[in-house]
Amino acid sequence: MRGSRHVRGAAGALAMALAATGCGVIVGTSGGANGGAVLSSSWGDPQNPLEPANTNEVQGGKVLDMIFRGLKKYDPRTGRAQNWLARSIETEDSRNYTVRIKRGWTFSNGEKVTARSFVNAWNYGASLRNNQKNAYFFGYIDGYDRVHPDSGRQSAPALSGLKVVDDHTFTVRLNQKFSGFPDTLGYAAFAPLPRVFFTDHAAWVKKPVGNGPYTVESYTRGSQMYLRKWDGYPGTDKARNDGVTLMVYTDSNTAYTDLLAGNLDLVDDIPAAQLKNVEGDLGDRYINTPAGIIQTLAFPYYDKAWNRPGSAKVRTGLSMAINRRQITEMIFRGTRTPATDWTSPVLGVDGGFKAGLCGRACDYDPARAKQLIKEGGGIPGGQVKITYNADSGSHRQWVDAVCNSVNNALGNDRACVGNPVGTFADFRKQIGQHTMTGPFRAGWQMDYPLIQNFLQPLYYTGASSNDGKWSDREFDRLVDRANARTDTAEAVAGFQEAEKVVRDQMAAVPLWYQNGNAGYSDRLSHVALNPFSVPVYNEIKVG
């Protein structure tokens, strides 16, 4: 999901947002941006409607994590998958699974959550007719090739691998062994859906109904979303506040200024320009903690110029022309760490992180960089243009720094330039339409804490977040083999072999691992970020 982490979407200061017409928040003792036990937090408009299988970016994902609960839930401190609505998920062969769900769970409209709530949701998400961005996550289930063929029309109405046994039991048959499958089921795409989603879809999209600790009370695009605590929520992770007002910002610096002025309670992405001041401004109300996020430069492999013989040498040369250490120290001040592989230290050694796997290709070596680029036929078009969304000042800073590093290494002050796109939405639109002509910013925030999630969705042929359309048969083969391994250590080793193919082809240039950072007002307590760098909203106390 959470590819391309970005900074907030579209309005401005808090006072302007509260003045917006429509179904805005009512300020008072029980609600509103600064009223009662409701907290306000910076945010950005979701790219798409909040359908669980159609949201693969951070801002929409934050809301889904608040209004839905699935079979699994990721521990907000360790990231480990734990059963939530699932009473058990059993298999004898890592291919056929029996899922039993707990009784007593309902959606916020009172409808019971049953096995069919999951099966219907997954079938909807997988269907080609519904054009869901996360359809690929259902690709392991038998029958996916018929409900979502690579070409031609859909030839089956539902996944043949899903069967409802009774109200609290369903079975899943995969088209290949995948021992890690149960741990993926905390991802929002696998959330259950109520009947109203299918019977009155337009009404549901306008005001989503879920089964999590919050409900959507109102949403004014470009301004704010107000989520109210659901008093009837049956889970043990109930909200400890009365609600959350998500305020839309185009500029993280404006959000930070509002926080200091007392007009905003929580900012979950401190702008790079403020990192030198943040500890003095906020003291122990500043959070800086490791997160499962990596920043990379992706390439448009649909453009023959970047997919020609020798282009891997050019990409590797560009990687070696980037002084990661200097950039992370000067701009990000301890909130980024130079990347030496394509995953995240959050996974740990046992989970697949392997420091140094990138080898010399991630070392700053101007002479070797220049040599490799020359051997590879030179930079396509004679100039690297790094495309990024300009609604974050931080992106401009680091892109300029990367280009300065490349230019210095190559002895050409026009070898690399930044190519800003006004908004994140327009940036993603260009990516989706495959109109990029050079490298572009690609951030990845893990969906679930498995090495598989850092590799397969991004680099497997036809994968959901393979925005550059990279394809390598050997990589695909190694991923398939790793998925089939039932021993965790063997599976991790298999994925690391696949990662070496990414390295050897420099499918994307790894830049740095990103911490989650946040700042909050003195109205709040018990504020924390989970390993996905998202605030644990339900645990925050107000007052």
Protein backbone atom coordinates (compact mmCIF):
# COMPACT_ATOMS: atom_id res chain seq x y z
CA MET A 1 0.00 0.00 0.00
CA ARG A 2 2.16 2.54 1.40
CA GLY A 3 4.37 3.26 -1.52
CA SER A 4 5.38 6.88 -1.95
CA ARG A 5 5.14 8.31 1.51
CA HIS A 6 4.36 12.00 1.13
CA VAL A 7 3.59 15.15 3.03
CA ARG A 8 0.00 16.22 3.42
CA GLY A 9 -2.34 17.09 0.68
CA ALA A 10 -4.10 20.39 0.21
CA ALA A 11 -5.28 23.18 2.46
CA GLY A 12 -3.47 25.45 4.85
CA ALA A 13 -3.69 26.73 8.35
CA LEU A 14 -6.14 25.36 10.83
CA ALA A 15 -8.33 28.42 11.03
CA MET A 16 -8.88 28.36 7.27
CA ALA A 17 -9.81 24.69 7.43
CA LEU A 18 -12.38 25.27 10.14
CA ALA A 19 -13.93 27.99 8.03
CA ALA A 20 -14.60 25.55 5.18
CA THR A 21 -18.21 24.97 4.29
CA GLY A 22 -19.83 21.57 4.06
CA CYS A 23 -19.81 18.99 6.83
CA GLY A 24 -16.97 20.51 8.84
CA VAL A 25 -16.15 19.79 12.44
CA ILE A 26 -18.24 21.41 15.12
CA VAL A 27 -16.02 23.01 17.75
CA GLY A 28 -17.18 22.34 21.27
CA THR A 29 -16.74 20.21 24.35
CA SER A 30 -17.30 16.92 22.58
CA GLY A 31 -15.74 17.49 19.19
CA GLY A 32 -13.76 19.75 16.96
CA ALA A 33 -10.15 20.48 16.28
CA ASN A 34 -9.39 21.75 19.77
CA GLY A 35 -12.50 20.87 21.71
CA GLY A 36 -12.89 18.27 24.46
CA ALA A 37 -11.04 14.98 24.05
CA VAL A 38 -10.66 15.32 20.28
CA LEU A 39 -7.17 15.76 18.86
CA SER A 40 -6.16 17.37 15.58
CA SER A 41 -3.46 15.92 13.34
CA SER A 42 -1.84 16.96 10.06
CA TRP A 43 -2.87 14.90 7.04
CA GLY A 44 -3.27 14.84 3.27
CA ASP A 45 -6.23 13.98 1.05
CA PRO A 46 -6.28 10.31 0.00
CA GLN A 47 -5.56 9.64 -3.64
CA ASN A 48 -8.65 7.43 -4.05
CA PRO A 49 -11.94 6.66 -2.28
CA LEU A 50 -11.32 4.76 0.94
CA GLU A 51 -12.05 1.28 -0.42
CA PRO A 52 -9.63 -1.06 1.37
CA ALA A 53 -8.50 -2.76 -1.84
CA ASN A 54 -8.09 0.55 -3.65
CA THR A 55 -5.83 2.41 -1.21
CA ASN A 56 -2.08 1.98 -1.58
CA GLU A 57 -0.73 5.26 -0.22
CA VAL A 58 -0.05 6.49 3.28
CA GLN A 59 -2.73 9.10 3.87
CA GLY A 60 -5.66 6.90 2.91
CA GLY A 61 -4.00 4.05 4.77
CA LYS A 62 -4.04 6.03 8.01
CA VAL A 63 -7.81 6.27 7.86
CA LEU A 64 -8.31 2.62 6.95
CA ASP A 65 -6.18 1.65 9.96
CA MET A 66 -8.57 3.61 12.16
CA ILE A 67 -11.90 2.43 10.77
CA PHE A 68 -11.13 -1.23 10.00
CA ARG A 69 -9.85 -4.31 11.79
CA GLY A 70 -8.91 -7.50 9.96
CA LEU A 71 -8.01 -11.09 10.66
CA LYS A 72 -4.58 -9.99 11.87
CA LYS A 73 -3.31 -6.83 13.53
CA TYR A 74 0.27 -5.64 13.67
CA ASP A 75 1.57 -4.94 17.14
CA PRO A 76 2.05 -1.14 17.39
CA ARG A 77 5.43 -1.60 19.06
CA THR A 78 7.00 -4.69 17.50
CA GLY A 79 5.13 -4.90 14.20
CA ARG A 80 4.53 -8.61 14.72
CA ALA A 81 1.31 -10.02 13.28
CA GLN A 82 -1.17 -11.23 15.88
CA ASN A 83 -4.62 -12.77 15.50
CA TRP A 84 -7.38 -10.19 15.81
CA LEU A 85 -10.68 -11.15 14.22
CA ALA A 86 -9.10 -14.51 13.43
CA ARG A 87 -9.62 -17.15 16.11
CA SER A 88 -7.27 -19.40 14.14
CA ILE A 89 -5.63 -19.71 10.71
CA GLU A 90 -4.53 -23.28 10.11
CA THR A 91 -2.74 -25.13 7.33
CA GLU A 92 -0.93 -28.43 6.85
CA ASP A 93 0.72 -27.64 3.52
CA SER A 94 1.14 -23.80 3.32
CA ARG A 95 -1.36 -23.82 0.47
CA ASN A 96 -4.75 -24.75 1.92
CA TYR A 97 -5.83 -22.61 4.86
CA THR A 98 -8.84 -22.81 7.17
CA VAL A 99 -9.78 -19.49 8.75
CA ARG A 100 -12.03 -19.33 11.80
CA ILE A 101 -13.20 -15.90 12.95
CA LYS A 102 -14.22 -14.73 16.40
CA ARG A 103 -17.84 -14.20 17.36
CA GLY A 104 -19.22 -10.92 18.66
CA TRP A 105 -17.71 -8.58 16.08
CA THR A 106 -19.94 -6.13 14.21
CA PHE A 107 -19.60 -3.22 11.83
CA SER A 108 -20.44 0.21 13.18
CA ASN A 109 -23.92 -0.01 11.58
CA GLY A 110 -24.71 -3.08 13.71
CA GLU A 111 -24.25 -5.72 11.01
CA LYS A 112 -22.40 -8.85 12.18
CA VAL A 113 -18.95 -9.55 10.76
CA THR A 114 -19.08 -13.03 9.25
CA ALA A 115 -16.95 -15.23 7.04
CA ARG A 116 -18.89 -13.89 4.07
CA SER A 117 -17.87 -10.33 5.02
CA PHE A 118 -14.29 -11.34 4.22
CA VAL A 119 -14.97 -13.54 1.21
CA ASN A 120 -17.18 -10.95 -0.50
CA ALA A 121 -14.62 -8.21 0.18
CA TRP A 122 -11.74 -10.25 -1.21
CA ASN A 123 -13.69 -11.21 -4.31
CA TYR A 124 -14.53 -7.56 -4.90
CA GLY A 125 -10.91 -6.53 -4.45
CA ALA A 126 -9.64 -9.18 -6.87
CA SER A 127 -12.15 -8.52 -9.65
CA LEU A 128 -10.84 -6.88 -12.80
CA ARG A 129 -14.20 -5.12 -13.22
CA ASN A 130 -13.68 -3.17 -10.02
CA ASN A 131 -10.22 -1.88 -10.98
CA GLN A 132 -8.82 -1.96 -7.45
CA LYS A 133 -5.18 -0.89 -7.07
CA ASN A 134 -4.47 -3.62 -4.52
CA ALA A 135 -6.01 -6.44 -6.57
CA TYR A 136 -2.54 -7.94 -6.87
CA PHE A 137 -2.55 -8.89 -3.18
CA PHE A 138 -5.20 -11.51 -3.97
CA GLY A 139 -3.05 -12.98 -6.72
CA TYR A 140 -1.99 -15.91 -4.56
CA ILE A 141 -5.55 -17.23 -4.35
CA ASP A 142 -6.76 -19.88 -6.78
CA GLY A 143 -8.83 -18.47 -9.62
CA TYR A 144 -7.17 -15.06 -9.69
CA ASP A 145 -6.11 -15.63 -13.29
CA ARG A 146 -9.80 -15.85 -14.24
CA VAL A 147 -11.16 -12.95 -12.18
CA HIS A 148 -8.21 -10.70 -13.01
CA PRO A 149 -6.52 -11.93 -16.22
CA ASP A 150 -3.43 -10.19 -17.56
CA SER A 151 -5.29 -9.64 -20.81
CA GLY A 152 -8.84 -10.12 -22.04
CA ARG A 153 -12.07 -10.15 -20.07
CA GLN A 154 -12.81 -11.51 -16.65
CA SER A 155 -14.12 -15.05 -17.09
CA ALA A 156 -15.25 -15.92 -13.54
CA PRO A 157 -17.32 -13.94 -11.03
CA ALA A 158 -15.34 -14.98 -7.95
CA LEU A 159 -12.11 -16.56 -6.76
CA SER A 160 -12.41 -20.34 -6.88
CA GLY A 161 -10.02 -20.59 -3.94
CA LEU A 162 -12.43 -18.97 -1.46
CA LYS A 163 -15.21 -21.02 0.13
CA VAL A 164 -17.60 -20.07 2.95
CA VAL A 165 -18.07 -23.04 5.31
CA ASP A 166 -20.33 -21.35 7.85
CA ASP A 167 -20.82 -17.90 9.41
CA HIS A 168 -17.51 -18.10 11.21
CA THR A 169 -15.38 -20.29 8.95
CA PHE A 170 -13.99 -20.00 5.43
CA THR A 171 -11.24 -21.73 3.50
CA VAL A 172 -8.55 -20.35 1.24
CA ARG A 173 -6.72 -22.34 -1.41
CA LEU A 174 -3.63 -20.67 -2.85
CA ASN A 175 -2.23 -21.28 -6.34
CA GLN A 176 1.23 -21.84 -4.83
CA LYS A 177 2.70 -22.47 -1.41
CA PHE A 178 3.14 -19.29 0.58
CA SER A 179 4.13 -19.91 4.18
CA GLY A 180 3.98 -16.20 5.03
CA PHE A 181 0.39 -15.78 3.82
CA PRO A 182 -1.24 -15.52 7.29
CA ASP A 183 1.03 -12.64 8.29
CA THR A 184 -0.10 -10.58 5.29
CA LEU A 185 -3.70 -10.60 6.48
CA GLY A 186 -3.37 -7.55 8.71
CA TYR A 187 -2.98 -5.42 5.60
CA ALA A 188 -6.01 -3.21 4.93
CA ALA A 189 -6.78 -4.76 1.52
CA PHE A 190 -7.91 -7.90 3.38
CA ALA A 191 -10.41 -6.04 5.61
CA PRO A 192 -14.03 -7.25 5.79
CA LEU A 193 -16.81 -5.21 4.20
CA PRO A 194 -20.48 -4.77 5.19
CA ARG A 195 -23.38 -5.47 2.84
CA VAL A 196 -24.02 -1.74 2.27
CA PHE A 197 -20.67 -1.52 0.47
CA PHE A 198 -22.19 -3.66 -2.28
CA THR A 199 -25.86 -2.61 -2.14
CA ASP A 200 -25.31 1.16 -1.96
CA HIS A 201 -21.71 1.68 -2.93
CA ALA A 202 -22.04 5.41 -3.61
CA ALA A 203 -23.38 6.03 -0.11
CA TRP A 204 -20.64 3.90 1.44
CA VAL A 205 -17.88 5.77 -0.42
CA LYS A 206 -19.34 9.07 0.79
CA LYS A 207 -19.35 7.87 4.40
CA PRO A 208 -17.45 4.58 4.88
CA VAL A 209 -18.72 2.00 7.36
CA GLY A 210 -16.08 -0.18 8.97
CA ASN A 211 -15.48 -2.27 12.08
CA GLY A 212 -12.59 -0.37 13.72
CA PRO A 213 -12.43 1.86 16.80
CA TYR A 214 -13.42 5.01 14.86
CA THR A 215 -16.17 6.00 12.44
CA VAL A 216 -16.04 8.69 9.75
CA GLU A 217 -18.27 11.51 10.92
CA SER A 218 -17.54 13.96 8.07
CA TYR A 219 -15.09 14.75 5.30
CA THR A 220 -14.51 17.94 3.34
CA ARG A 221 -11.93 17.28 0.64
CA GLY A 222 -9.05 19.73 0.74
CA SER A 223 -9.92 20.65 4.31
CA GLN A 224 -10.43 17.97 6.93
CA MET A 225 -11.84 14.61 7.98
CA TYR A 226 -13.40 14.10 11.39
CA LEU A 227 -13.31 10.60 12.88
CA ARG A 228 -15.39 9.96 15.98
CA LYS A 229 -14.73 7.28 18.59
CA TRP A 230 -17.12 4.34 18.12
CA ASP A 231 -18.44 3.55 21.58
CA GLY A 232 -19.74 0.15 20.47
CA TYR A 233 -16.40 -1.08 19.19
CA PRO A 234 -15.93 -4.66 20.49
CA GLY A 235 -12.12 -4.86 20.33
CA THR A 236 -9.67 -4.50 23.21
CA ASP A 237 -7.85 -1.61 21.47
CA LYS A 238 -10.62 0.92 22.06
CA ALA A 239 -9.98 4.61 21.42
CA ARG A 240 -8.74 6.47 24.49
CA ASN A 241 -9.87 9.80 23.05
CA ASP A 242 -13.20 11.01 21.68
CA GLY A 243 -12.04 11.44 18.10
CA VAL A 244 -9.45 12.67 15.65
CA THR A 245 -9.68 15.60 13.24
CA LEU A 246 -7.32 15.07 10.31
CA MET A 247 -6.37 18.47 8.89
CA VAL A 248 -5.19 18.76 5.28
CA TYR A 249 -1.92 20.63 4.68
CA THR A 250 0.01 21.33 1.50
CA ASP A 251 3.13 22.38 3.37
CA SER A 252 4.61 20.54 6.34
CA ASN A 253 6.24 23.78 7.48
CA THR A 254 2.80 25.36 7.86
CA ALA A 255 1.65 22.38 9.89
CA TYR A 256 4.70 22.66 12.13
CA THR A 257 4.06 26.40 12.63
CA ASP A 258 0.46 25.63 13.60
CA LEU A 259 1.67 23.05 16.10
CA LEU A 260 3.94 25.58 17.78
CA ALA A 261 1.16 28.17 17.78
CA GLY A 262 -1.21 25.80 19.57
CA ASN A 263 -3.52 25.44 16.56
CA LEU A 264 -2.66 21.79 15.89
CA ASP A 265 -2.05 18.86 18.23
CA LEU A 266 0.02 16.44 16.19
CA VAL A 267 2.38 16.58 13.20
CA ASP A 268 3.66 13.20 12.07
CA ASP A 269 6.29 14.36 9.59
CA ILE A 270 8.67 17.07 10.83
CA PRO A 271 9.91 19.09 7.82
CA ALA A 272 13.62 18.82 7.14
CA ALA A 273 14.07 22.58 7.53
CA GLN A 274 12.85 22.35 11.15
CA LEU A 275 14.93 19.38 12.29
CA LYS A 276 17.66 21.68 13.61
CA ASN A 277 15.09 23.38 15.85
CA VAL A 278 12.69 20.62 16.80
CA GLU A 279 14.31 19.37 20.02
CA GLY A 280 14.54 22.92 21.34
CA ASP A 281 10.97 23.66 20.28
CA LEU A 282 9.33 20.50 21.60
CA GLY A 283 11.70 18.78 24.02
CA ASP A 284 10.37 15.35 24.93
CA ARG A 285 7.30 15.96 22.76
CA TYR A 286 9.46 15.16 19.72
CA ILE A 287 9.50 11.52 18.54
CA ASN A 288 12.21 10.06 16.32
CA THR A 289 11.98 6.28 15.95
CA PRO A 290 12.95 3.65 13.34
CA ALA A 291 10.28 2.77 10.81
CA GLY A 292 9.82 0.30 7.99
CA ILE A 293 10.41 2.90 5.27
CA ILE A 294 13.00 3.12 2.52
CA GLN A 295 13.49 5.93 0.01
CA THR A 296 14.66 4.98 -3.48
CA LEU A 297 14.97 6.32 -6.99
CA ALA A 298 12.87 4.29 -9.43
CA PHE A 299 13.29 4.19 -13.20
CA PRO A 300 10.83 4.06 -16.13
CA TYR A 301 11.69 0.73 -17.76
CA TYR A 302 8.89 1.29 -20.26
CA ASP A 303 11.21 3.95 -21.72
CA LYS A 304 13.73 2.08 -23.88
CA ALA A 305 16.44 4.60 -23.00
CA TRP A 306 16.49 3.22 -19.45
CA ASN A 307 16.12 -0.42 -20.51
CA ARG A 308 18.85 -0.67 -23.13
CA PRO A 309 21.95 -2.91 -22.91
CA GLY A 310 24.37 -1.39 -20.47
CA SER A 311 21.76 0.66 -18.64
CA ALA A 312 22.39 -1.27 -15.40
CA LYS A 313 25.91 0.21 -15.39
CA VAL A 314 24.46 3.70 -15.77
CA ARG A 315 22.07 3.16 -12.87
CA THR A 316 24.86 1.70 -10.72
CA GLY A 317 27.06 4.64 -11.63
CA LEU A 318 24.37 7.07 -10.53
CA SER A 319 24.08 5.19 -7.24
CA MET A 320 27.81 5.55 -6.66
CA ALA A 321 27.64 9.27 -7.47
CA ILE A 322 25.34 9.92 -4.48
CA ASN A 323 26.97 10.83 -1.19
CA ARG A 324 24.30 9.36 1.08
CA ARG A 325 26.19 9.94 4.29
CA GLN A 326 26.65 13.64 3.69
CA ILE A 327 23.03 14.18 2.59
CA THR A 328 21.49 12.35 5.55
CA GLU A 329 23.69 14.18 8.04
CA MET A 330 23.31 17.68 6.59
CA ILE A 331 19.63 17.64 5.64
CA PHE A 332 17.95 14.99 7.76
CA ARG A 333 19.93 15.28 11.00
CA GLY A 334 19.67 11.74 12.27
CA THR A 335 16.20 10.94 10.91
CA ARG A 336 17.59 9.01 7.92
CA THR A 337 20.31 6.36 7.60
CA PRO A 338 22.16 5.59 4.35
CA ALA A 339 20.67 2.47 2.78
CA THR A 340 22.86 -0.55 2.12
CA ASP A 341 20.09 -2.87 0.93
CA TRP A 342 16.49 -2.65 -0.36
CA THR A 343 14.59 -3.52 2.84
CA SER A 344 14.65 -1.95 6.32
CA PRO A 345 16.56 -2.48 9.58
CA VAL A 346 13.13 -2.71 11.27
CA LEU A 347 12.89 -6.28 9.92
CA GLY A 348 15.95 -7.33 11.89
CA VAL A 349 18.50 -9.87 10.75
CA ASP A 350 16.12 -12.79 11.28
CA GLY A 351 13.43 -11.03 9.28
CA GLY A 352 15.59 -10.43 6.21
CA PHE A 353 17.51 -7.20 6.68
CA LYS A 354 21.09 -7.65 5.51
CA ALA A 355 23.31 -4.64 6.02
CA GLY A 356 25.82 -4.20 3.22
CA LEU A 357 24.05 -6.37 0.66
CA CYS A 358 24.31 -3.51 -1.84
CA GLY A 359 28.09 -3.62 -1.54
CA ARG A 360 30.24 -1.11 -3.43
CA ALA A 361 27.25 -0.06 -5.53
CA CYS A 362 25.97 2.00 -2.59
CA ASP A 363 29.36 3.50 -1.72
CA TYR A 364 30.18 7.05 -2.78
CA ASP A 365 32.88 6.64 -5.43
CA PRO A 366 32.92 9.50 -7.98
CA ALA A 367 35.67 8.03 -10.17
CA ARG A 368 33.99 4.63 -10.46
CA ALA A 369 30.60 6.32 -10.99
CA LYS A 370 31.92 8.30 -13.92
CA GLN A 371 33.55 5.20 -15.42
CA LEU A 372 30.43 3.03 -15.15
CA ILE A 373 28.18 5.66 -16.70
CA LYS A 374 30.58 6.01 -19.62
CA GLU A 375 30.78 2.21 -20.07
CA GLY A 376 26.99 2.01 -20.04
CA GLY A 377 26.62 4.45 -22.92
CA GLY A 378 26.12 7.63 -20.94
CA ILE A 379 23.07 9.18 -19.30
CA PRO A 380 20.01 8.92 -21.59
CA GLY A 381 19.40 12.30 -23.19
CA GLY A 382 22.54 13.64 -21.52
CA GLN A 383 20.75 14.72 -18.34
CA VAL A 384 19.11 13.03 -15.36
CA LYS A 385 15.82 14.66 -14.37
CA ILE A 386 14.59 13.44 -10.99
CA THR A 387 10.82 13.88 -10.74
CA TYR A 388 9.23 14.48 -7.34
CA ASN A 389 6.13 16.07 -5.83
CA ALA A 390 6.80 19.68 -4.84
CA ASP A 391 4.15 19.90 -2.10
CA SER A 392 6.86 18.87 0.34
CA GLY A 393 9.81 21.17 0.89
CA SER A 394 11.82 18.20 2.15
CA HIS A 395 11.71 16.47 -1.22
CA ARG A 396 13.05 19.53 -3.00
CA GLN A 397 15.93 19.75 -0.56
CA TRP A 398 17.11 16.19 -0.86
CA VAL A 399 16.57 15.98 -4.63
CA ASP A 400 18.67 19.12 -5.07
CA ALA A 401 21.32 17.60 -2.80
CA VAL A 402 21.33 14.33 -4.76
CA CYS A 403 21.73 16.24 -8.01
CA ASN A 404 24.53 18.38 -6.58
CA SER A 405 26.31 15.19 -5.53
CA VAL A 406 25.86 13.63 -9.00
CA ASN A 407 26.99 16.82 -10.72
CA ASN A 408 30.08 17.07 -8.55
CA ALA A 409 30.95 13.42 -9.12
CA LEU A 410 30.58 13.70 -12.89
CA GLY A 411 32.15 17.14 -13.22
CA ASN A 412 29.08 18.53 -14.97
CA ASP A 413 26.80 21.00 -13.21
CA ARG A 414 23.87 20.13 -15.52
CA ALA A 415 24.17 16.33 -15.44
CA CYS A 416 21.29 16.14 -12.93
CA VAL A 417 18.37 18.46 -12.21
CA GLY A 418 15.21 18.23 -10.17
CA ASN A 419 11.87 18.02 -11.98
CA PRO A 420 9.12 19.14 -9.56
CA VAL A 421 5.45 18.25 -10.01
CA GLY A 422 3.03 20.53 -8.15
CA THR A 423 1.09 18.04 -6.05
CA PHE A 424 1.35 14.46 -4.90
CA ALA A 425 -1.88 13.63 -6.74
CA ASP A 426 -0.48 14.91 -10.04
CA PHE A 427 2.81 13.14 -9.35
CA ARG A 428 1.04 9.81 -8.80
CA LYS A 429 -1.10 10.42 -11.87
CA GLN A 430 1.98 10.75 -14.05
CA ILE A 431 3.43 7.61 -12.53
CA GLY A 432 0.19 5.71 -13.14
CA GLN A 433 0.04 6.89 -16.74
CA HIS A 434 3.65 5.77 -17.29
CA THR A 435 4.80 9.14 -18.63
CA MET A 436 8.06 9.38 -16.66
CA THR A 437 11.16 9.89 -18.80
CA GLY A 438 13.76 9.61 -16.06
CA PRO A 439 14.21 8.54 -12.42
CA PHE A 440 11.52 9.48 -9.93
CA ARG A 441 11.08 9.55 -6.18
CA ALA A 442 9.83 6.24 -4.81
CA GLY A 443 9.31 5.77 -1.11
CA TRP A 444 8.08 2.48 0.32
CA GLN A 445 6.40 2.06 3.65
CA MET A 446 5.94 -1.60 4.49
CA ASP A 447 2.44 -3.05 4.44
CA TYR A 448 3.45 -5.92 6.70
CA PRO A 449 6.79 -6.77 8.32
CA LEU A 450 8.09 -9.40 5.87
CA ILE A 451 11.09 -9.14 3.54
CA GLN A 452 8.71 -10.35 0.83
CA ASN A 453 6.80 -7.07 1.12
CA PHE A 454 9.89 -4.99 0.33
CA LEU A 455 10.61 -7.00 -2.82
CA GLN A 456 7.64 -8.65 -4.50
CA PRO A 457 5.16 -5.72 -4.69
CA LEU A 458 7.90 -3.45 -6.07
CA TYR A 459 9.94 -5.60 -8.42
CA TYR A 460 7.97 -8.70 -9.40
CA THR A 461 6.71 -8.64 -12.98
CA GLY A 462 3.32 -6.92 -13.10
CA ALA A 463 3.21 -6.29 -9.34
CA SER A 464 0.87 -3.66 -7.94
CA SER A 465 3.54 -1.14 -6.95
CA ASN A 466 6.05 -1.92 -9.70
CA ASP A 467 5.60 1.60 -11.05
CA GLY A 468 8.61 1.47 -13.37
CA LYS A 469 7.57 -1.87 -14.92
CA TRP A 470 10.88 -3.58 -14.17
CA SER A 471 10.87 -7.28 -15.07
CA ASP A 472 13.41 -10.04 -14.54
CA ARG A 473 12.62 -13.75 -14.91
CA GLU A 474 15.32 -14.87 -12.48
CA PHE A 475 14.06 -12.52 -9.81
CA ASP A 476 10.48 -13.79 -10.30
CA ARG A 477 11.66 -17.41 -10.11
CA LEU A 478 13.58 -16.84 -6.89
CA VAL A 479 10.63 -15.04 -5.28
CA ASP A 480 8.26 -17.87 -6.19
CA ARG A 481 10.69 -20.39 -4.69
CA ALA A 482 11.14 -18.36 -1.51
CA ASN A 483 7.38 -18.05 -1.05
CA ALA A 484 7.06 -21.84 -1.17
CA ARG A 485 9.53 -22.46 1.65
CA THR A 486 7.83 -23.34 4.91
CA ASP A 487 10.91 -22.81 7.06
CA THR A 488 11.15 -19.12 7.90
CA ALA A 489 14.94 -18.95 7.79
CA GLU A 490 15.03 -20.70 4.42
CA ALA A 491 12.35 -18.38 3.04
CA VAL A 492 14.30 -15.31 4.20
CA ALA A 493 17.49 -16.64 2.61
CA GLY A 494 15.56 -17.22 -0.62
CA PHE A 495 14.31 -13.66 -0.71
CA GLN A 496 17.82 -12.37 -0.10
CA GLU A 497 18.96 -14.30 -3.18
CA ALA A 498 16.24 -12.53 -5.14
CA GLU A 499 17.36 -9.21 -3.67
CA LYS A 500 20.82 -9.79 -5.14
CA VAL A 501 19.24 -9.74 -8.61
CA VAL A 502 17.76 -6.32 -7.77
CA ARG A 503 21.26 -5.25 -6.73
CA ASP A 504 23.04 -6.60 -9.79
CA GLN A 505 20.59 -4.86 -12.13
CA MET A 506 20.24 -1.80 -9.86
CA ALA A 507 16.49 -2.05 -10.45
CA ALA A 508 16.11 0.97 -8.15
CA VAL A 509 18.71 3.07 -6.37
CA PRO A 510 18.37 2.71 -2.57
CA LEU A 511 18.95 6.04 -0.86
CA TRP A 512 18.20 5.85 2.87
CA TYR A 513 16.12 4.23 5.56
CA GLN A 514 13.65 6.64 7.08
CA ASN A 515 12.70 7.08 10.70
CA GLY A 516 9.23 8.03 11.71
CA ASN A 517 9.21 11.42 13.40
CA ALA A 518 6.48 13.46 14.99
CA GLY A 519 5.79 16.32 17.32
CA TYR A 520 2.78 16.95 19.52
CA SER A 521 1.19 19.54 21.76
CA ASP A 522 1.11 19.53 25.55
CA ARG A 523 -2.60 18.61 25.35
CA LEU A 524 -1.62 15.07 24.39
CA SER A 525 -0.04 12.13 26.17
CA HIS A 526 0.71 8.49 25.28
CA VAL A 527 1.72 9.50 21.75
CA ALA A 528 3.71 6.92 19.80
CA LEU A 529 4.43 5.91 16.22
CA ASN A 530 4.10 2.30 15.15
CA PRO A 531 6.79 0.55 13.02
CA PHE A 532 4.96 1.83 9.94
CA SER A 533 5.59 5.43 11.16
CA VAL A 534 1.85 6.02 11.69
CA PRO A 535 0.57 7.52 14.95
CA VAL A 536 -1.18 5.00 17.18
CA TYR A 537 -4.23 7.25 17.31
CA ASN A 538 -6.41 5.02 19.46
CA GLU A 539 -3.89 5.10 22.34
CA ILE A 540 -3.51 8.90 22.47
CA LYS A 541 -5.03 10.68 25.44
CA VAL A 542 -6.19 14.30 25.32
CA GLY A 543 -6.01 16.70 28.25
